[in-house]
C-alpha atoms as a PDB file:
ATOM      1  CA  MET A   1      76.004  76.856   8.120  1.00  0.00           C
ATOM      2  CA  PRO A   2      73.293  78.371  10.347  1.00  0.00           C
ATOM      3  CA  LYS A   3      74.393  78.064  13.949  1.00  0.00           C
ATOM      4  CA  ALA A   4      70.840  77.345  15.076  1.00  0.00           C
ATOM      5  CA  ILE A   5      70.742  74.082  13.098  1.00  0.00           C
ATOM      6  CA  TYR A   6      73.658  72.284  14.711  1.00  0.00           C
ATOM      7  CA  GLU A   7      72.924  73.827  18.112  1.00  0.00           C
ATOM      8  CA  GLY A   8      69.379  72.462  17.874  1.00  0.00           C
ATOM      9  CA  ILE A   9      70.724  68.997  17.069  1.00  0.00           C
ATOM     10  CA  TYR A  10      73.202  69.317  19.940  1.00  0.00           C
ATOM     11  CA  ARG A  11      70.435  70.197  22.401  1.00  0.00           C
ATOM     12  CA  GLU A  12      68.226  67.338  21.214  1.00  0.00           C
ATOM     13  CA  ILE A  13      70.967  64.703  21.484  1.00  0.00           C
ATOM     14  CA  ARG A  14      72.084  66.105  24.846  1.00  0.00           C
ATOM     15  CA  SER A  15      68.499  65.868  26.095  1.00  0.00           C
ATOM     16  CA  ARG A  16      68.328  62.237  25.008  1.00  0.00           C
ATOM     17  CA  ILE A  17      71.576  61.492  26.836  1.00  0.00           C
ATOM     18  CA  ILE A  18      70.390  63.179  30.029  1.00  0.00           C
ATOM     19  CA  ASN A  19      66.997  61.436  30.034  1.00  0.00           C
ATOM     20  CA  GLY A  20      68.569  58.044  29.338  1.00  0.00           C
ATOM     21  CA  THR A  21      67.389  57.493  25.767  1.00  0.00           C
ATOM     22  CA  TYR A  22      71.069  57.139  24.903  1.00  0.00           C
ATOM     23  CA  ALA A  23      72.449  55.331  27.945  1.00  0.00           C
ATOM     24  CA  PHE A  24      75.868  55.643  29.577  1.00  0.00           C
ATOM     25  CA  GLN A  25      78.576  53.724  27.649  1.00  0.00           C
ATOM     26  CA  GLU A  26      76.281  53.028  24.676  1.00  0.00           C
ATOM     27  CA  MET A  27      77.181  54.077  21.142  1.00  0.00           C
ATOM     28  CA  LEU A  28      75.193  56.851  19.501  1.00  0.00           C
ATOM     29  CA  PRO A  29      73.448  56.233  16.177  1.00  0.00           C
ATOM     30  CA  THR A  30      75.840  56.542  13.245  1.00  0.00           C
ATOM     31  CA  GLU A  31      76.444  59.827  11.442  1.00  0.00           C
ATOM     32  CA  ALA A  32      74.416  58.503   8.524  1.00  0.00           C
ATOM     33  CA  GLU A  33      71.478  57.678  10.805  1.00  0.00           C
ATOM     34  CA  LEU A  34      71.602  61.071  12.513  1.00  0.00           C
ATOM     35  CA  THR A  35      71.897  62.842   9.159  1.00  0.00           C
ATOM     36  CA  ALA A  36      68.797  61.038   7.921  1.00  0.00           C
ATOM     37  CA  GLU A  37      66.844  61.724  11.117  1.00  0.00           C
ATOM     38  CA  PHE A  38      67.590  65.449  11.270  1.00  0.00           C
ATOM     39  CA  GLY A  39      67.554  66.042   7.514  1.00  0.00           C
ATOM     40  CA  CYS A  40      70.925  67.767   7.443  1.00  0.00           C
ATOM     41  CA  THR A  41      74.460  67.311   6.176  1.00  0.00           C
ATOM     42  CA  ARG A  42      77.119  65.160   7.828  1.00  0.00           C
ATOM     43  CA  ASN A  43      79.109  68.295   8.579  1.00  0.00           C
ATOM     44  CA  THR A  44      76.182  69.707  10.572  1.00  0.00           C
ATOM     45  CA  VAL A  45      75.938  66.499  12.605  1.00  0.00           C
ATOM     46  CA  ARG A  46      79.692  66.561  13.186  1.00  0.00           C
ATOM     47  CA  ARG A  47      79.499  70.120  14.535  1.00  0.00           C
ATOM     48  CA  ALA A  48      76.800  69.018  16.984  1.00  0.00           C
ATOM     49  CA  LEU A  49      78.817  65.960  18.031  1.00  0.00           C
ATOM     50  CA  SER A  50      81.878  68.149  18.508  1.00  0.00           C
ATOM     51  CA  MET A  51      79.910  70.348  20.926  1.00  0.00           C
ATOM     52  CA  LEU A  52      78.788  67.241  22.813  1.00  0.00           C
ATOM     53  CA  ALA A  53      82.388  66.039  23.015  1.00  0.00           C
ATOM     54  CA  ASP A  54      83.529  69.440  24.300  1.00  0.00           C
ATOM     55  CA  GLY A  55      80.899  69.163  27.032  1.00  0.00           C
ATOM     56  CA  MET A  56      82.056  65.649  27.958  1.00  0.00           C
ATOM     57  CA  PHE A  57      78.750  64.071  26.991  1.00  0.00           C
ATOM     58  CA  VAL A  58      80.314  61.798  24.377  1.00  0.00           C
ATOM     59  CA  GLN A  59      83.708  60.458  23.324  1.00  0.00           C
ATOM     60  CA  PRO A  60      84.426  59.965  19.597  1.00  0.00           C
ATOM     61  CA  ILE A  61      86.303  56.718  18.934  1.00  0.00           C
ATOM     62  CA  HIS A  62      88.166  56.596  15.640  1.00  0.00           C
ATOM     63  CA  GLY A  63      86.770  53.935  13.349  1.00  0.00           C
ATOM     64  CA  LYS A  64      84.074  52.842  15.799  1.00  0.00           C
ATOM     65  CA  GLY A  65      81.665  55.710  16.394  1.00  0.00           C
ATOM     66  CA  VAL A  66      80.699  57.917  19.312  1.00  0.00           C
ATOM     67  CA  ARG A  67      80.234  56.587  22.848  1.00  0.00           C
ATOM     68  CA  VAL A  68      78.110  58.187  25.587  1.00  0.00           C
ATOM     69  CA  ILE A  69      80.278  59.079  28.612  1.00  0.00           C
ATOM     70  CA  TRP A  70      77.817  61.259  30.562  1.00  0.00           C
ATOM     71  CA  LEU A  71      76.720  59.614  33.818  1.00  0.00           C
ATOM     72  CA  LYS A  72      73.866  61.015  35.883  1.00  0.00           C
ATOM     73  CA  GLY A  73      74.988  61.935  39.393  1.00  0.00           C
ATOM     74  CA  GLU A  74      73.267  61.096  42.660  1.00  0.00           C
ATOM     75  CA  THR A  75      71.784  64.573  42.997  1.00  0.00           C
ATOM     76  CA  ASP A  76      68.561  65.492  41.231  1.00  0.00           C
ATOM     77  CA  MET A  77      69.694  69.073  40.647  1.00  0.00           C
ATOM     78  CA  LEU A  78      72.760  69.765  38.546  1.00  0.00           C
ATOM     79  CA  GLY A  79      73.879  73.195  37.419  1.00  0.00           C
ATOM     80  CA  ALA A  80      75.944  74.093  34.375  1.00  0.00           C
ATOM     81  CA  LEU A  81      78.968  76.266  35.081  1.00  0.00           C
ATOM     82  CA  GLU A  82      80.002  76.199  31.426  1.00  0.00           C
ATOM     83  CA  GLU A  83      76.784  77.850  30.210  1.00  0.00           C
ATOM     84  CA  VAL A  84      74.996  81.132  30.867  1.00  0.00           C
ATOM     85  CA  GLU A  85      71.757  79.703  32.201  1.00  0.00           C
ATOM     86  CA  SER A  86      68.800  81.438  33.820  1.00  0.00           C
ATOM     87  CA  PHE A  87      67.140  80.088  36.965  1.00  0.00           C
ATOM     88  CA  GLY A  88      64.074  79.159  34.933  1.00  0.00           C
ATOM     89  CA  GLU A  89      66.187  77.272  32.403  1.00  0.00           C
ATOM     90  CA  PHE A  90      67.971  75.473  35.248  1.00  0.00           C
ATOM     91  CA  ALA A  91      64.616  74.443  36.736  1.00  0.00           C
ATOM     92  CA  LYS A  92      63.210  73.271  33.410  1.00  0.00           C
ATOM     93  CA  ARG A  93      66.304  71.210  32.630  1.00  0.00           C
ATOM     94  CA  ASN A  94      66.012  69.548  36.044  1.00  0.00           C
ATOM     95  CA  ASN A  95      62.254  68.923  35.727  1.00  0.00           C
ATOM     96  CA  ALA A  96      61.384  71.317  38.563  1.00  0.00           C
ATOM     97  CA  VAL A  97      58.776  74.074  38.858  1.00  0.00           C
ATOM     98  CA  ALA A  98      60.332  77.509  39.394  1.00  0.00           C
ATOM     99  CA  SER A  99      58.740  80.581  40.922  1.00  0.00           C
ATOM    100  CA  THR A 100      60.122  84.004  41.828  1.00  0.00           C
ATOM    101  CA  GLU A 101      59.173  86.633  44.403  1.00  0.00           C
ATOM    102  CA  VAL A 102      60.592  90.134  43.992  1.00  0.00           C
ATOM    103  CA  LYS A 103      61.578  91.482  47.410  1.00  0.00           C
ATOM    104  CA  SER A 104      63.142  94.767  46.283  1.00  0.00           C
ATOM    105  CA  PHE A 105      63.258  96.766  43.043  1.00  0.00           C
ATOM    106  CA  GLU A 106      64.969 100.156  42.855  1.00  0.00           C
ATOM    107  CA  HIS A 107      66.721 102.548  40.481  1.00  0.00           C
ATOM    108  CA  LEU A 108      70.032 103.993  41.607  1.00  0.00           C
ATOM    109  CA  ILE A 109      73.197 105.714  40.413  1.00  0.00           C
ATOM    110  CA  CYS A 110      76.498 103.840  40.581  1.00  0.00           C
ATOM    111  CA  THR A 111      78.666 105.332  43.321  1.00  0.00           C
ATOM    112  CA  GLU A 112      82.433 105.027  43.667  1.00  0.00           C
ATOM    113  CA  GLN A 113      81.926 102.317  46.269  1.00  0.00           C
ATOM    114  CA  LEU A 114      79.597 100.330  44.005  1.00  0.00           C
ATOM    115  CA  SER A 115      81.951 100.852  41.069  1.00  0.00           C
ATOM    116  CA  ARG A 116      84.847  99.316  42.991  1.00  0.00           C
ATOM    117  CA  ARG A 117      82.705  96.390  44.115  1.00  0.00           C
ATOM    118  CA  LEU A 118      80.761  95.670  40.932  1.00  0.00           C
ATOM    119  CA  GLY A 119      82.739  97.107  38.020  1.00  0.00           C
ATOM    120  CA  PHE A 120      80.151  99.522  36.613  1.00  0.00           C
ATOM    121  CA  LYS A 121      81.244 103.077  35.859  1.00  0.00           C
ATOM    122  CA  VAL A 122      80.610 105.826  38.392  1.00  0.00           C
ATOM    123  CA  GLY A 123      77.444 107.701  37.444  1.00  0.00           C
ATOM    124  CA  GLU A 124      75.877 104.893  35.409  1.00  0.00           C
ATOM    125  CA  GLU A 125      72.190 104.278  36.047  1.00  0.00           C
ATOM    126  CA  LEU A 126      71.501 100.856  37.539  1.00  0.00           C
ATOM    127  CA  ILE A 127      68.508  98.765  38.534  1.00  0.00           C
ATOM    128  CA  ARG A 128      68.896  96.731  41.724  1.00  0.00           C
ATOM    129  CA  VAL A 129      66.652  93.693  42.108  1.00  0.00           C
ATOM    130  CA  VAL A 130      66.435  91.294  45.047  1.00  0.00           C
ATOM    131  CA  ARG A 131      64.560  88.090  44.263  1.00  0.00           C
ATOM    132  CA  VAL A 132      63.772  84.906  46.169  1.00  0.00           C
ATOM    133  CA  ARG A 133      63.783  81.913  43.831  1.00  0.00           C
ATOM    134  CA  SER A 134      61.811  78.776  44.686  1.00  0.00           C
ATOM    135  CA  LEU A 135      61.830  75.250  43.305  1.00  0.00           C
ATOM    136  CA  ASN A 136      58.714  73.111  43.703  1.00  0.00           C
ATOM    137  CA  GLY A 137      57.395  75.577  46.286  1.00  0.00           C
ATOM    138  CA  SER A 138      60.497  75.697  48.496  1.00  0.00           C
ATOM    139  CA  ALA A 139      62.697  78.825  48.686  1.00  0.00           C
ATOM    140  CA  ARG A 140      66.136  77.855  47.458  1.00  0.00           C
ATOM    141  CA  GLN A 141      68.010  80.975  46.302  1.00  0.00           C
ATOM    142  CA  VAL A 142      68.268  84.702  46.983  1.00  0.00           C
ATOM    143  CA  ASP A 143      69.522  86.810  44.064  1.00  0.00           C
ATOM    144  CA  HIS A 144      70.962  90.303  44.523  1.00  0.00           C
ATOM    145  CA  GLY A 145      71.190  91.606  40.959  1.00  0.00           C
ATOM    146  CA  TYR A 146      72.433  94.892  39.516  1.00  0.00           C
ATOM    147  CA  PHE A 147      71.509  95.622  35.887  1.00  0.00           C
ATOM    148  CA  LEU A 148      72.760  98.414  33.633  1.00  0.00           C
ATOM    149  CA  GLU A 149      69.629 100.462  32.971  1.00  0.00           C
ATOM    150  CA  SER A 150      70.641 101.448  29.432  1.00  0.00           C
ATOM    151  CA  ILE A 151      70.591  97.734  28.548  1.00  0.00           C
ATOM    152  CA  ALA A 152      67.644  96.717  30.746  1.00  0.00           C
ATOM    153  CA  LYS A 153      65.502  99.745  29.887  1.00  0.00           C
ATOM    154  CA  GLY A 154      61.832  99.134  30.634  1.00  0.00           C
ATOM    155  CA  LEU A 155      62.492  96.430  33.205  1.00  0.00           C
ATOM    156  CA  THR A 156      59.703  96.235  35.800  1.00  0.00           C
ATOM    157  CA  PRO A 157      59.104  94.212  38.976  1.00  0.00           C
ATOM    158  CA  GLU A 158      56.561  92.143  37.042  1.00  0.00           C
ATOM    159  CA  ILE A 159      59.139  91.233  34.408  1.00  0.00           C
ATOM    160  CA  ALA A 160      61.715  90.504  37.125  1.00  0.00           C
ATOM    161  CA  ALA A 161      59.255  88.061  38.705  1.00  0.00           C
ATOM    162  CA  SER A 162      59.020  86.225  35.401  1.00  0.00           C
ATOM    163  CA  SER A 163      62.347  86.213  33.517  1.00  0.00           C
ATOM    164  CA  ILE A 164      64.762  89.099  33.090  1.00  0.00           C
ATOM    165  CA  TYR A 165      66.852  87.225  30.522  1.00  0.00           C
ATOM    166  CA  ASP A 166      63.802  86.373  28.430  1.00  0.00           C
ATOM    167  CA  TYR A 167      62.884  90.068  28.416  1.00  0.00           C
ATOM    168  CA  LEU A 168      66.408  91.194  27.527  1.00  0.00           C
ATOM    169  CA  GLU A 169      66.908  88.655  24.754  1.00  0.00           C
ATOM    170  CA  HIS A 170      63.472  88.588  23.154  1.00  0.00           C
ATOM    171  CA  LYS A 171      62.068  92.062  23.855  1.00  0.00           C
ATOM    172  CA  ARG A 172      65.201  94.197  23.984  1.00  0.00           C
ATOM    173  CA  GLY A 173      67.257  92.205  21.464  1.00  0.00           C
ATOM    174  CA  VAL A 174      70.225  91.866  23.815  1.00  0.00           C
ATOM    175  CA  LYS A 175      72.724  89.159  22.904  1.00  0.00           C
ATOM    176  CA  VAL A 176      74.079  87.692  26.132  1.00  0.00           C
ATOM    177  CA  MET A 177      77.537  86.408  25.312  1.00  0.00           C
ATOM    178  CA  ALA A 178      79.513  85.416  28.406  1.00  0.00           C
ATOM    179  CA  SER A 179      79.630  85.349  32.178  1.00  0.00           C
ATOM    180  CA  ARG A 180      82.535  85.290  34.619  1.00  0.00           C
ATOM    181  CA  ARG A 181      81.741  83.468  37.864  1.00  0.00           C
ATOM    182  CA  THR A 182      83.280  83.262  41.309  1.00  0.00           C
ATOM    183  CA  VAL A 183      82.052  80.596  43.726  1.00  0.00           C
ATOM    184  CA  SER A 184      82.458  80.611  47.508  1.00  0.00           C
ATOM    185  CA  VAL A 185      80.781  79.311  50.663  1.00  0.00           C
ATOM    186  CA  GLU A 186      79.651  81.679  53.420  1.00  0.00           C
ATOM    187  CA  LEU A 187      77.862  81.448  56.732  1.00  0.00           C
ATOM    188  CA  ALA A 188      74.174  82.204  56.287  1.00  0.00           C
ATOM    189  CA  ASN A 189      73.238  85.752  57.259  1.00  0.00           C
ATOM    190  CA  ASP A 190      69.961  86.947  58.760  1.00  0.00           C
ATOM    191  CA  GLU A 191      68.428  87.539  55.327  1.00  0.00           C
ATOM    192  CA  ASP A 192      69.339  84.026  54.166  1.00  0.00           C
ATOM    193  CA  CYS A 193      67.762  82.527  57.278  1.00  0.00           C
ATOM    194  CA  SER A 194      64.656  84.664  56.785  1.00  0.00           C
ATOM    195  CA  TYR A 195      64.126  83.958  53.090  1.00  0.00           C
ATOM    196  CA  LEU A 196      65.449  80.416  52.589  1.00  0.00           C
ATOM    197  CA  ASP A 197      64.230  77.094  53.959  1.00  0.00           C
ATOM    198  CA  LEU A 198      67.689  76.270  55.345  1.00  0.00           C
ATOM    199  CA  GLY A 199      66.613  73.737  57.957  1.00  0.00           C
ATOM    200  CA  LYS A 200      69.724  72.137  59.482  1.00  0.00           C
ATOM    201  CA  TYR A 201      72.159  74.137  57.317  1.00  0.00           C
ATOM    202  CA  ASN A 202      74.068  77.190  58.559  1.00  0.00           C
ATOM    203  CA  CYS A 203      75.762  78.168  55.301  1.00  0.00           C
ATOM    204  CA  VAL A 204      74.972  79.053  51.697  1.00  0.00           C
ATOM    205  CA  ALA A 205      76.845  78.753  48.427  1.00  0.00           C
ATOM    206  CA  VAL A 206      77.507  82.148  46.857  1.00  0.00           C
ATOM    207  CA  MET A 207      78.023  82.627  43.135  1.00  0.00           C
ATOM    208  CA  GLU A 208      78.988  86.060  41.847  1.00  0.00           C
ATOM    209  CA  SER A 209      78.319  86.449  38.126  1.00  0.00           C
ATOM    210  CA  GLN A 210      79.490  89.259  35.862  1.00  0.00           C
ATOM    211  CA  SER A 211      77.621  88.988  32.568  1.00  0.00           C
ATOM    212  CA  TYR A 212      78.480  90.652  29.252  1.00  0.00           C
ATOM    213  CA  THR A 213      76.704  91.417  25.992  1.00  0.00           C
ATOM    214  CA  SER A 214      78.081  90.430  22.586  1.00  0.00           C
ATOM    215  CA  ASP A 215      79.618  93.931  22.461  1.00  0.00           C
ATOM    216  CA  GLY A 216      81.605  93.220  25.622  1.00  0.00           C
ATOM    217  CA  ILE A 217      79.498  95.539  27.793  1.00  0.00           C
ATOM    218  CA  LEU A 218      79.071  94.571  31.449  1.00  0.00           C
ATOM    219  CA  PHE A 219      75.306  94.654  31.939  1.00  0.00           C
ATOM    220  CA  GLU A 220      74.695  92.505  35.022  1.00  0.00           C
ATOM    221  CA  VAL A 221      76.354  91.638  38.303  1.00  0.00           C
ATOM    222  CA  THR A 222      74.450  89.171  40.459  1.00  0.00           C
ATOM    223  CA  HIS A 223      75.224  87.541  43.789  1.00  0.00           C
ATOM    224  CA  ALA A 224      73.192  84.344  44.067  1.00  0.00           C
ATOM    225  CA  ARG A 225      73.017  82.897  47.589  1.00  0.00           C
ATOM    226  CA  THR A 226      71.941  79.295  47.184  1.00  0.00           C
ATOM    227  CA  HIS A 227      70.683  76.537  49.469  1.00  0.00           C
ATOM    228  CA  PRO A 228      73.349  73.796  49.777  1.00  0.00           C
ATOM    229  CA  GLU A 229      70.912  71.068  48.748  1.00  0.00           C
ATOM    230  CA  ILE A 230      70.622  72.347  45.182  1.00  0.00           C
ATOM    231  CA  PHE A 231      74.152  73.675  44.697  1.00  0.00           C
ATOM    232  CA  HIS A 232      75.691  70.876  42.657  1.00  0.00           C
ATOM    233  CA  TYR A 233      77.897  71.645  39.674  1.00  0.00           C
ATOM    234  CA  ARG A 234      79.988  69.434  37.464  1.00  0.00           C
ATOM    235  CA  VAL A 235      83.109  70.811  35.769  1.00  0.00           C
ATOM    236  CA  ASN A 236      84.803  68.892  32.982  1.00  0.00           C
ATOM    237  CA  SER A 237      88.591  68.625  32.872  1.00  0.00           C
ATOM    238  CA  LYS A 238      90.857  67.258  30.175  1.00  0.00           C
ATOM    239  CA  ARG A 239      94.495  66.241  30.326  1.00  0.00           C
END
C-alpha cells in the first residue's frame, strides 16, 4: 500500500478535526463512508485512523466507531513535538503568516569544541545560519542552525530566508527521518532582547534539535530560542 495514500487521508481527517468539521466527542463517519469518500480500501482507511489514534486525535471504540478526542487548547499557537516540522509548516498549520530574516550565513570547519557541543565530526564542513523568524510581522524566534555542507550543498542565504527543509527535500532529495529534541527555559540574552519582541518577558524557551536523514546521518543541529507567547506544545501520554 503506498504510504502517501493513507498519510494523505490522515492529514485530511486531522485537518477536519483541528478546524472543527469533526467536533470534540463526535463520532467520525463510518469506515464505509470514508472508504467511499476517499476511493480507497478499508485497510487504507484503517491505517489512517490508526495514525490518528496514535496521535490522540481519535479513540476507536469497539463495535461503535471512532470518537474525536482532540480538544483545541486556549492558545492559538500549538507546536508538534512528535513531528519534524519546519517553521513555515508550523505557521501554516496555525493560520499565521511566516517570514524569515537571515542575520548570519557562514561556512566553517567543525572544530573539536564544536564537535563536542554539536556531535559533528572534527573537520567536517558546516554551514552556520542565524535566522530571525516572525509570525504575522512580529519577531518570535531566533534560530542558530548548523548544517552538514555535504548534505546541504548549494544552500544560500536566499534559500535560508525561504525554507531550508523545502530545498533539502525537494531540490537535494534528502529524506528527513527523525529529530531528537531537548527543551529548556533560559534567561533572555542580549541577542534575544535585540531580535525578539519580548515586551514584559525576560526569558525564552530553547529547543535544541538534532536532525537525521533516512541513512542515520546527523545533518542539522539547531538551537531555536522562542518567545514564550508562542511556545506551546502538547505531548500525548498513554497508560
